[in-house]
Amino acid sequence: MTTQTVEYIRYQIPEGRSPEFLTAYTRAARLLAASPYCVTYELARCEEDFTHYVLRIVWTSTEDHIEGFRESDLFPEFLAEIRPYVGDIQEMRHYKPTTVRGRGASEPTLYEWAGGAEAFDRLTSVFYDKVLKDDLLGPLFADLPAEHAAHVALWFGEVFGGPATYTERHGGHSHMVAMHIGKGITERQRRRWVGLVQDAADEAGLPTDAEFRSAFCAYVEWGTRLAVTFSGPDASRPAEQPVPRWNWGAAPPWTA
């Protein structure tokens, strides 16, 4: 099985040629972007010495780069754009990522970006007020205990990167899933839930930037579909699992 590979190309470009070099790569970049073998690319310029550049390209595999992209119809035009700078290359190699990887502390969690515990308390307060008044969902939630909204706020907080308070007080993923067993949630009810929680997010003042809302809505879709599955007639409580942790841009590697 092949894995992604990272290609680094290091250039030293005389400062007087930098504008034309950047222009050439701006044109060449559209050919990288069009290749099914190119995952991402980035050209960076050294801050200490403006003559040094590093092009970082993530390929689907080394073989896909060499035998795929370089033998494709895109490559001749790509090479024509960068050919004047081939002699300025100091290194051109492929690297495989190691297991040493992670995120720095400067990147906020979704929980922090949303505004922390207070934001999710507002969200669930507004949301369950809507739910109880809704003709489709109201009967499903008619017997909710008074503390339910606060519990769901803790759940949301933990899912989006906050403290593990829900797990400490109520249990993990299995406990939350078990709350839906026997409910017989329909697809129509699920979609109404999704719509109301998004309306509640607006009214509660959660961030409206596309990056946050796409991650938020991705979890809502994932979570509600899981709730429908476990509300069915043949569902049983799953083995204990940790609360899923959602992050920017993608769902966590999770299996129900």
C-alpha atoms as a PDB file:
ATOM      1  CA  MET A   1       0.000   0.000   0.000  1.00  0.00           C
ATOM      2  CA  THR A   2       1.460   3.387  -0.988  1.00  0.00           C
ATOM      3  CA  THR A   3       1.435   6.415   1.277  1.00  0.00           C
ATOM      4  CA  GLN A   4       1.708  10.113   0.700  1.00  0.00           C
ATOM      5  CA  THR A   5       5.156  11.541   0.150  1.00  0.00           C
ATOM      6  CA  VAL A   6       6.488  15.067   0.613  1.00  0.00           C
ATOM      7  CA  GLU A   7       8.767  16.539  -2.032  1.00  0.00           C
ATOM      8  CA  TYR A   8      11.023  19.439  -1.102  1.00  0.00           C
ATOM      9  CA  ILE A   9      12.677  21.559  -3.793  1.00  0.00           C
ATOM     10  CA  ARG A  10      15.063  24.199  -2.491  1.00  0.00           C
ATOM     11  CA  TYR A  11      15.998  27.102  -4.724  1.00  0.00           C
ATOM     12  CA  GLN A  12      18.492  29.930  -4.460  1.00  0.00           C
ATOM     13  CA  ILE A  13      17.244  32.671  -6.768  1.00  0.00           C
ATOM     14  CA  PRO A  14      19.190  35.919  -7.233  1.00  0.00           C
ATOM     15  CA  GLU A  15      17.082  38.716  -5.749  1.00  0.00           C
ATOM     16  CA  GLY A  16      16.735  40.493  -9.068  1.00  0.00           C
ATOM     17  CA  ARG A  17      15.079  37.393 -10.568  1.00  0.00           C
ATOM     18  CA  SER A  18      12.630  36.830  -7.715  1.00  0.00           C
ATOM     19  CA  PRO A  19       9.645  38.623  -9.316  1.00  0.00           C
ATOM     20  CA  GLU A  20       9.839  36.568 -12.498  1.00  0.00           C
ATOM     21  CA  PHE A  21      10.422  33.387 -10.459  1.00  0.00           C
ATOM     22  CA  LEU A  22       7.260  33.992  -8.429  1.00  0.00           C
ATOM     23  CA  THR A  23       5.307  34.820 -11.564  1.00  0.00           C
ATOM     24  CA  ALA A  24       6.460  31.609 -13.222  1.00  0.00           C
ATOM     25  CA  TYR A  25       5.437  29.513 -10.227  1.00  0.00           C
ATOM     26  CA  THR A  26       2.092  31.257 -10.033  1.00  0.00           C
ATOM     27  CA  ARG A  27       1.426  30.006 -13.554  1.00  0.00           C
ATOM     28  CA  ALA A  28       2.948  26.571 -12.858  1.00  0.00           C
ATOM     29  CA  ALA A  29       0.847  26.163  -9.714  1.00  0.00           C
ATOM     30  CA  ARG A  30      -2.376  25.796 -11.687  1.00  0.00           C
ATOM     31  CA  LEU A  31      -0.877  22.674 -13.286  1.00  0.00           C
ATOM     32  CA  LEU A  32      -0.038  21.226  -9.887  1.00  0.00           C
ATOM     33  CA  ALA A  33      -3.550  22.008  -8.722  1.00  0.00           C
ATOM     34  CA  ALA A  34      -4.991  20.185 -11.745  1.00  0.00           C
ATOM     35  CA  SER A  35      -3.045  16.993 -11.077  1.00  0.00           C
ATOM     36  CA  PRO A  36      -4.919  14.158  -9.322  1.00  0.00           C
ATOM     37  CA  TYR A  37      -1.588  13.127  -7.787  1.00  0.00           C
ATOM     38  CA  CYS A  38      -0.926  16.464  -6.052  1.00  0.00           C
ATOM     39  CA  VAL A  39      -2.464  16.773  -2.564  1.00  0.00           C
ATOM     40  CA  THR A  40      -1.153  20.210  -1.535  1.00  0.00           C
ATOM     41  CA  TYR A  41       1.659  22.567  -2.455  1.00  0.00           C
ATOM     42  CA  GLU A  42       3.279  25.674  -0.958  1.00  0.00           C
ATOM     43  CA  LEU A  43       6.152  27.911  -1.990  1.00  0.00           C
ATOM     44  CA  ALA A  44       7.843  29.639   0.963  1.00  0.00           C
ATOM     45  CA  ARG A  45      10.514  32.354   0.975  1.00  0.00           C
ATOM     46  CA  CYS A  46      13.271  32.562   3.583  1.00  0.00           C
ATOM     47  CA  GLU A  47      12.928  35.519   5.963  1.00  0.00           C
ATOM     48  CA  GLU A  48      16.651  35.707   6.767  1.00  0.00           C
ATOM     49  CA  ASP A  49      17.850  35.469   3.162  1.00  0.00           C
ATOM     50  CA  PHE A  50      15.342  36.434   0.489  1.00  0.00           C
ATOM     51  CA  THR A  51      17.243  34.516  -2.195  1.00  0.00           C
ATOM     52  CA  HIS A  52      16.246  31.139  -0.688  1.00  0.00           C
ATOM     53  CA  TYR A  53      12.918  29.442  -1.480  1.00  0.00           C
ATOM     54  CA  VAL A  54      11.447  26.064  -0.548  1.00  0.00           C
ATOM     55  CA  LEU A  55       8.703  24.425  -2.587  1.00  0.00           C
ATOM     56  CA  ARG A  56       6.818  21.775  -0.601  1.00  0.00           C
ATOM     57  CA  ILE A  57       4.563  19.420  -2.554  1.00  0.00           C
ATOM     58  CA  VAL A  58       2.590  16.557  -1.016  1.00  0.00           C
ATOM     59  CA  TRP A  59       2.047  13.791  -3.571  1.00  0.00           C
ATOM     60  CA  THR A  60      -0.254  10.787  -3.254  1.00  0.00           C
ATOM     61  CA  SER A  61       2.941   8.700  -3.521  1.00  0.00           C
ATOM     62  CA  THR A  62       6.459   8.961  -4.909  1.00  0.00           C
ATOM     63  CA  GLU A  63       5.466   6.651  -7.743  1.00  0.00           C
ATOM     64  CA  ASP A  64       2.449   8.815  -8.568  1.00  0.00           C
ATOM     65  CA  HIS A  65       4.708  11.846  -8.811  1.00  0.00           C
ATOM     66  CA  ILE A  66       7.365  10.225 -10.990  1.00  0.00           C
ATOM     67  CA  GLU A  67       5.238   7.879 -13.098  1.00  0.00           C
ATOM     68  CA  GLY A  68       1.961   9.791 -12.876  1.00  0.00           C
ATOM     69  CA  PHE A  69       2.504  13.536 -12.931  1.00  0.00           C
ATOM     70  CA  ARG A  70       5.787  13.517 -14.848  1.00  0.00           C
ATOM     71  CA  GLU A  71       4.281  11.335 -17.576  1.00  0.00           C
ATOM     72  CA  SER A  72       1.019  13.258 -17.739  1.00  0.00           C
ATOM     73  CA  ASP A  73      -0.040  15.905 -20.245  1.00  0.00           C
ATOM     74  CA  LEU A  74       0.347  18.534 -17.511  1.00  0.00           C
ATOM     75  CA  PHE A  75       4.068  18.058 -16.988  1.00  0.00           C
ATOM     76  CA  PRO A  76       5.495  19.526 -20.234  1.00  0.00           C
ATOM     77  CA  GLU A  77       3.762  22.854 -19.624  1.00  0.00           C
ATOM     78  CA  PHE A  78       4.763  22.788 -15.938  1.00  0.00           C
ATOM     79  CA  LEU A  79       8.395  22.136 -16.855  1.00  0.00           C
ATOM     80  CA  ALA A  80       8.341  24.886 -19.478  1.00  0.00           C
ATOM     81  CA  GLU A  81       7.352  27.405 -16.777  1.00  0.00           C
ATOM     82  CA  ILE A  82      10.067  26.452 -14.297  1.00  0.00           C
ATOM     83  CA  ARG A  83      12.838  25.388 -16.689  1.00  0.00           C
ATOM     84  CA  PRO A  84      14.722  28.721 -16.410  1.00  0.00           C
ATOM     85  CA  TYR A  85      15.212  28.008 -12.691  1.00  0.00           C
ATOM     86  CA  VAL A  86      16.242  24.348 -12.769  1.00  0.00           C
ATOM     87  CA  GLY A  87      19.890  25.363 -12.494  1.00  0.00           C
ATOM     88  CA  ASP A  88      19.071  27.211  -9.246  1.00  0.00           C
ATOM     89  CA  ILE A  89      17.867  24.050  -7.479  1.00  0.00           C
ATOM     90  CA  GLN A  90      19.961  23.091  -4.442  1.00  0.00           C
ATOM     91  CA  GLU A  91      17.939  20.071  -3.355  1.00  0.00           C
ATOM     92  CA  MET A  92      15.081  18.039  -4.827  1.00  0.00           C
ATOM     93  CA  ARG A  93      14.121  15.000  -2.739  1.00  0.00           C
ATOM     94  CA  HIS A  94      11.156  12.973  -1.530  1.00  0.00           C
ATOM     95  CA  TYR A  95      10.456  12.481   2.171  1.00  0.00           C
ATOM     96  CA  LYS A  96       8.095  10.128   3.983  1.00  0.00           C
ATOM     97  CA  PRO A  97       6.285  11.559   7.037  1.00  0.00           C
ATOM     98  CA  THR A  98       7.175   9.964  10.380  1.00  0.00           C
ATOM     99  CA  THR A  99       4.958   9.395  13.411  1.00  0.00           C
ATOM    100  CA  VAL A 100       6.315  12.587  14.995  1.00  0.00           C
ATOM    101  CA  ARG A 101       3.525  15.004  14.200  1.00  0.00           C
ATOM    102  CA  GLY A 102       0.879  17.067  15.956  1.00  0.00           C
ATOM    103  CA  ARG A 103      -0.647  20.498  16.420  1.00  0.00           C
ATOM    104  CA  GLY A 104       0.890  23.418  18.235  1.00  0.00           C
ATOM    105  CA  ALA A 105      -0.695  25.064  21.247  1.00  0.00           C
ATOM    106  CA  SER A 106      -1.257  28.306  19.337  1.00  0.00           C
ATOM    107  CA  GLU A 107      -4.110  26.776  17.335  1.00  0.00           C
ATOM    108  CA  PRO A 108      -7.347  27.206  19.299  1.00  0.00           C
ATOM    109  CA  THR A 109      -9.707  24.296  19.733  1.00  0.00           C
ATOM    110  CA  LEU A 110     -13.213  24.605  18.343  1.00  0.00           C
ATOM    111  CA  TYR A 111     -14.328  24.887  21.975  1.00  0.00           C
ATOM    112  CA  GLU A 112     -12.077  27.892  22.567  1.00  0.00           C
ATOM    113  CA  TRP A 113     -12.991  29.497  19.249  1.00  0.00           C
ATOM    114  CA  ALA A 114     -16.692  29.171  20.034  1.00  0.00           C
ATOM    115  CA  GLY A 115     -16.285  30.943  23.379  1.00  0.00           C
ATOM    116  CA  GLY A 116     -15.921  28.087  25.851  1.00  0.00           C
ATOM    117  CA  ALA A 117     -18.491  26.710  28.279  1.00  0.00           C
ATOM    118  CA  GLU A 118     -20.661  29.844  28.290  1.00  0.00           C
ATOM    119  CA  ALA A 119     -21.147  29.658  24.521  1.00  0.00           C
ATOM    120  CA  PHE A 120     -22.348  26.061  24.633  1.00  0.00           C
ATOM    121  CA  ASP A 121     -24.594  26.791  27.612  1.00  0.00           C
ATOM    122  CA  ARG A 122     -26.231  29.548  25.555  1.00  0.00           C
ATOM    123  CA  LEU A 123     -26.502  27.235  22.565  1.00  0.00           C
ATOM    124  CA  THR A 124     -28.291  24.424  24.365  1.00  0.00           C
ATOM    125  CA  SER A 125     -30.523  26.794  26.295  1.00  0.00           C
ATOM    126  CA  VAL A 126     -31.752  28.427  23.095  1.00  0.00           C
ATOM    127  CA  PHE A 127     -31.902  25.121  21.282  1.00  0.00           C
ATOM    128  CA  TYR A 128     -34.021  23.179  23.761  1.00  0.00           C
ATOM    129  CA  ASP A 129     -36.380  26.111  24.118  1.00  0.00           C
ATOM    130  CA  LYS A 130     -36.988  25.747  20.381  1.00  0.00           C
ATOM    131  CA  VAL A 131     -37.216  21.955  20.580  1.00  0.00           C
ATOM    132  CA  LEU A 132     -39.894  21.907  23.256  1.00  0.00           C
ATOM    133  CA  LYS A 133     -42.043  24.305  21.200  1.00  0.00           C
ATOM    134  CA  ASP A 134     -41.567  22.391  17.952  1.00  0.00           C
ATOM    135  CA  ASP A 135     -44.510  20.332  16.717  1.00  0.00           C
ATOM    136  CA  LEU A 136     -42.296  17.550  15.349  1.00  0.00           C
ATOM    137  CA  LEU A 137     -39.635  17.309  18.079  1.00  0.00           C
ATOM    138  CA  GLY A 138     -41.628  18.485  21.088  1.00  0.00           C
ATOM    139  CA  PRO A 139     -43.316  15.114  21.722  1.00  0.00           C
ATOM    140  CA  LEU A 140     -39.972  13.295  21.427  1.00  0.00           C
ATOM    141  CA  PHE A 141     -38.432  15.480  24.147  1.00  0.00           C
ATOM    142  CA  ALA A 142     -41.530  16.020  26.287  1.00  0.00           C
ATOM    143  CA  ASP A 143     -40.116  14.201  29.322  1.00  0.00           C
ATOM    144  CA  LEU A 144     -36.708  15.844  29.328  1.00  0.00           C
ATOM    145  CA  PRO A 145     -35.233  16.374  32.787  1.00  0.00           C
ATOM    146  CA  ALA A 146     -34.496  20.019  33.618  1.00  0.00           C
ATOM    147  CA  GLU A 147     -30.749  19.428  33.548  1.00  0.00           C
ATOM    148  CA  HIS A 148     -30.698  17.891  30.060  1.00  0.00           C
ATOM    149  CA  ALA A 149     -29.633  21.079  28.252  1.00  0.00           C
ATOM    150  CA  ALA A 150     -26.712  21.547  30.652  1.00  0.00           C
ATOM    151  CA  HIS A 151     -25.603  17.945  30.099  1.00  0.00           C
ATOM    152  CA  VAL A 152     -25.665  18.372  26.324  1.00  0.00           C
ATOM    153  CA  ALA A 153     -23.659  21.606  26.690  1.00  0.00           C
ATOM    154  CA  LEU A 154     -20.969  19.596  28.502  1.00  0.00           C
ATOM    155  CA  TRP A 155     -21.099  16.981  25.750  1.00  0.00           C
ATOM    156  CA  PHE A 156     -20.682  19.576  23.009  1.00  0.00           C
ATOM    157  CA  GLY A 157     -17.854  21.182  24.947  1.00  0.00           C
ATOM    158  CA  GLU A 158     -15.934  17.926  25.234  1.00  0.00           C
ATOM    159  CA  VAL A 159     -16.575  16.947  21.613  1.00  0.00           C
ATOM    160  CA  PHE A 160     -15.205  20.264  20.381  1.00  0.00           C
ATOM    161  CA  GLY A 161     -12.001  20.097  22.408  1.00  0.00           C
ATOM    162  CA  GLY A 162     -12.992  21.353  25.850  1.00  0.00           C
ATOM    163  CA  PRO A 163     -12.519  19.681  29.250  1.00  0.00           C
ATOM    164  CA  ALA A 164     -13.650  16.073  29.737  1.00  0.00           C
ATOM    165  CA  THR A 165     -16.392  17.096  32.171  1.00  0.00           C
ATOM    166  CA  TYR A 166     -19.123  15.062  30.491  1.00  0.00           C
ATOM    167  CA  THR A 167     -17.035  11.904  30.718  1.00  0.00           C
ATOM    168  CA  GLU A 168     -16.125  12.562  34.355  1.00  0.00           C
ATOM    169  CA  ARG A 169     -19.716  13.191  35.434  1.00  0.00           C
ATOM    170  CA  HIS A 170     -21.801  10.999  33.147  1.00  0.00           C
ATOM    171  CA  GLY A 171     -19.643   8.523  31.250  1.00  0.00           C
ATOM    172  CA  GLY A 172     -18.315   8.465  27.718  1.00  0.00           C
ATOM    173  CA  HIS A 173     -19.633   7.845  24.252  1.00  0.00           C
ATOM    174  CA  SER A 174     -21.604   4.739  25.222  1.00  0.00           C
ATOM    175  CA  HIS A 175     -23.616   6.662  27.814  1.00  0.00           C
ATOM    176  CA  MET A 176     -24.634   9.347  25.336  1.00  0.00           C
ATOM    177  CA  VAL A 177     -25.544   6.819  22.654  1.00  0.00           C
ATOM    178  CA  ALA A 178     -27.610   4.793  25.120  1.00  0.00           C
ATOM    179  CA  MET A 179     -29.820   7.830  25.735  1.00  0.00           C
ATOM    180  CA  HIS A 180     -31.268   7.325  22.229  1.00  0.00           C
ATOM    181  CA  ILE A 181     -32.060   3.618  22.424  1.00  0.00           C
ATOM    182  CA  GLY A 182     -35.721   2.906  21.854  1.00  0.00           C
ATOM    183  CA  LYS A 183     -36.568   6.456  20.739  1.00  0.00           C
ATOM    184  CA  GLY A 184     -37.326   5.497  17.127  1.00  0.00           C
ATOM    185  CA  ILE A 185     -36.028   8.783  15.715  1.00  0.00           C
ATOM    186  CA  THR A 186     -37.128   9.380  12.135  1.00  0.00           C
ATOM    187  CA  GLU A 187     -35.120  10.996   9.363  1.00  0.00           C
ATOM    188  CA  ARG A 188     -37.578  13.879   9.307  1.00  0.00           C
ATOM    189  CA  GLN A 189     -37.017  14.467  13.030  1.00  0.00           C
ATOM    190  CA  ARG A 190     -33.264  14.261  12.556  1.00  0.00           C
ATOM    191  CA  ARG A 191     -33.327  16.927   9.878  1.00  0.00           C
ATOM    192  CA  ARG A 192     -35.503  19.171  12.011  1.00  0.00           C
ATOM    193  CA  TRP A 193     -32.986  18.749  14.869  1.00  0.00           C
ATOM    194  CA  VAL A 194     -30.135  19.737  12.545  1.00  0.00           C
ATOM    195  CA  GLY A 195     -31.990  22.825  11.355  1.00  0.00           C
ATOM    196  CA  LEU A 196     -32.967  23.982  14.844  1.00  0.00           C
ATOM    197  CA  VAL A 197     -29.472  23.583  16.285  1.00  0.00           C
ATOM    198  CA  GLN A 198     -28.070  25.699  13.444  1.00  0.00           C
ATOM    199  CA  ASP A 199     -30.713  28.355  14.104  1.00  0.00           C
ATOM    200  CA  ALA A 200     -29.829  28.196  17.800  1.00  0.00           C
ATOM    201  CA  ALA A 201     -26.137  28.624  16.991  1.00  0.00           C
ATOM    202  CA  ASP A 202     -26.998  31.865  15.193  1.00  0.00           C
ATOM    203  CA  GLU A 203     -29.158  33.174  18.029  1.00  0.00           C
ATOM    204  CA  ALA A 204     -26.650  32.139  20.694  1.00  0.00           C
ATOM    205  CA  GLY A 205     -23.895  34.077  18.949  1.00  0.00           C
ATOM    206  CA  LEU A 206     -21.587  31.208  18.020  1.00  0.00           C
ATOM    207  CA  PRO A 207     -18.919  32.154  15.455  1.00  0.00           C
ATOM    208  CA  THR A 208     -20.218  32.384  11.911  1.00  0.00           C
ATOM    209  CA  ASP A 209     -16.924  31.964  10.028  1.00  0.00           C
ATOM    210  CA  ALA A 210     -17.047  29.200   7.439  1.00  0.00           C
ATOM    211  CA  GLU A 211     -14.262  27.164   9.025  1.00  0.00           C
ATOM    212  CA  PHE A 212     -15.975  26.898  12.418  1.00  0.00           C
ATOM    213  CA  ARG A 213     -19.479  26.385  11.070  1.00  0.00           C
ATOM    214  CA  SER A 214     -18.371  23.677   8.620  1.00  0.00           C
ATOM    215  CA  ALA A 215     -16.767  21.722  11.475  1.00  0.00           C
ATOM    216  CA  PHE A 216     -19.764  22.349  13.744  1.00  0.00           C
ATOM    217  CA  CYS A 217     -22.272  21.237  11.109  1.00  0.00           C
ATOM    218  CA  ALA A 218     -20.157  18.208  10.205  1.00  0.00           C
ATOM    219  CA  TYR A 219     -20.385  16.997  13.799  1.00  0.00           C
ATOM    220  CA  VAL A 220     -24.123  17.698  13.945  1.00  0.00           C
ATOM    221  CA  GLU A 221     -24.658  15.622  10.797  1.00  0.00           C
ATOM    222  CA  TRP A 222     -22.459  12.796  12.066  1.00  0.00           C
ATOM    223  CA  GLY A 223     -23.910  12.780  15.567  1.00  0.00           C
ATOM    224  CA  THR A 224     -27.557  12.904  14.547  1.00  0.00           C
ATOM    225  CA  ARG A 225     -27.139  10.103  12.042  1.00  0.00           C
ATOM    226  CA  LEU A 226     -25.533   7.998  14.748  1.00  0.00           C
ATOM    227  CA  ALA A 227     -28.450   8.837  17.064  1.00  0.00           C
ATOM    228  CA  VAL A 228     -30.943   7.589  14.459  1.00  0.00           C
ATOM    229  CA  THR A 229     -29.006   4.343  14.087  1.00  0.00           C
ATOM    230  CA  PHE A 230     -28.970   3.672  17.819  1.00  0.00           C
ATOM    231  CA  SER A 231     -32.629   4.639  18.219  1.00  0.00           C
ATOM    232  CA  GLY A 232     -33.709   1.800  15.936  1.00  0.00           C
ATOM    233  CA  PRO A 233     -35.549  -1.339  17.051  1.00  0.00           C
ATOM    234  CA  ASP A 234     -32.528  -3.644  16.936  1.00  0.00           C
ATOM    235  CA  ALA A 235     -29.988  -1.317  18.515  1.00  0.00           C
ATOM    236  CA  SER A 236     -28.097  -2.182  21.677  1.00  0.00           C
ATOM    237  CA  ARG A 237     -25.698  -0.220  23.820  1.00  0.00           C
ATOM    238  CA  PRO A 238     -22.190  -0.244  22.323  1.00  0.00           C
ATOM    239  CA  ALA A 239     -19.014  -1.046  24.222  1.00  0.00           C
ATOM    240  CA  GLU A 240     -17.571   1.861  26.164  1.00  0.00           C
ATOM    241  CA  GLN A 241     -15.587   4.245  23.990  1.00  0.00           C
ATOM    242  CA  PRO A 242     -14.111   7.687  24.584  1.00  0.00           C
ATOM    243  CA  VAL A 243     -16.000  10.813  23.554  1.00  0.00           C
ATOM    244  CA  PRO A 244     -15.093  11.681  19.932  1.00  0.00           C
ATOM    245  CA  ARG A 245     -12.964  14.814  19.574  1.00  0.00           C
ATOM    246  CA  TRP A 246     -13.837  17.037  16.629  1.00  0.00           C
ATOM    247  CA  ASN A 247     -11.307  19.432  15.126  1.00  0.00           C
ATOM    248  CA  TRP A 248     -10.859  21.885  12.281  1.00  0.00           C
ATOM    249  CA  GLY A 249     -11.497  20.665   8.787  1.00  0.00           C
ATOM    250  CA  ALA A 250     -12.199  16.964   9.283  1.00  0.00           C
ATOM    251  CA  ALA A 251     -13.974  14.386  11.354  1.00  0.00           C
ATOM    252  CA  PRO A 252     -11.928  12.290  13.777  1.00  0.00           C
ATOM    253  CA  PRO A 253     -11.019   8.712  12.798  1.00  0.00           C
ATOM    254  CA  TRP A 254     -13.991   7.148  14.517  1.00  0.00           C
ATOM    255  CA  THR A 255     -15.985   3.943  14.198  1.00  0.00           C
ATOM    256  CA  ALA A 256     -19.296   3.356  15.920  1.00  0.00           C
END
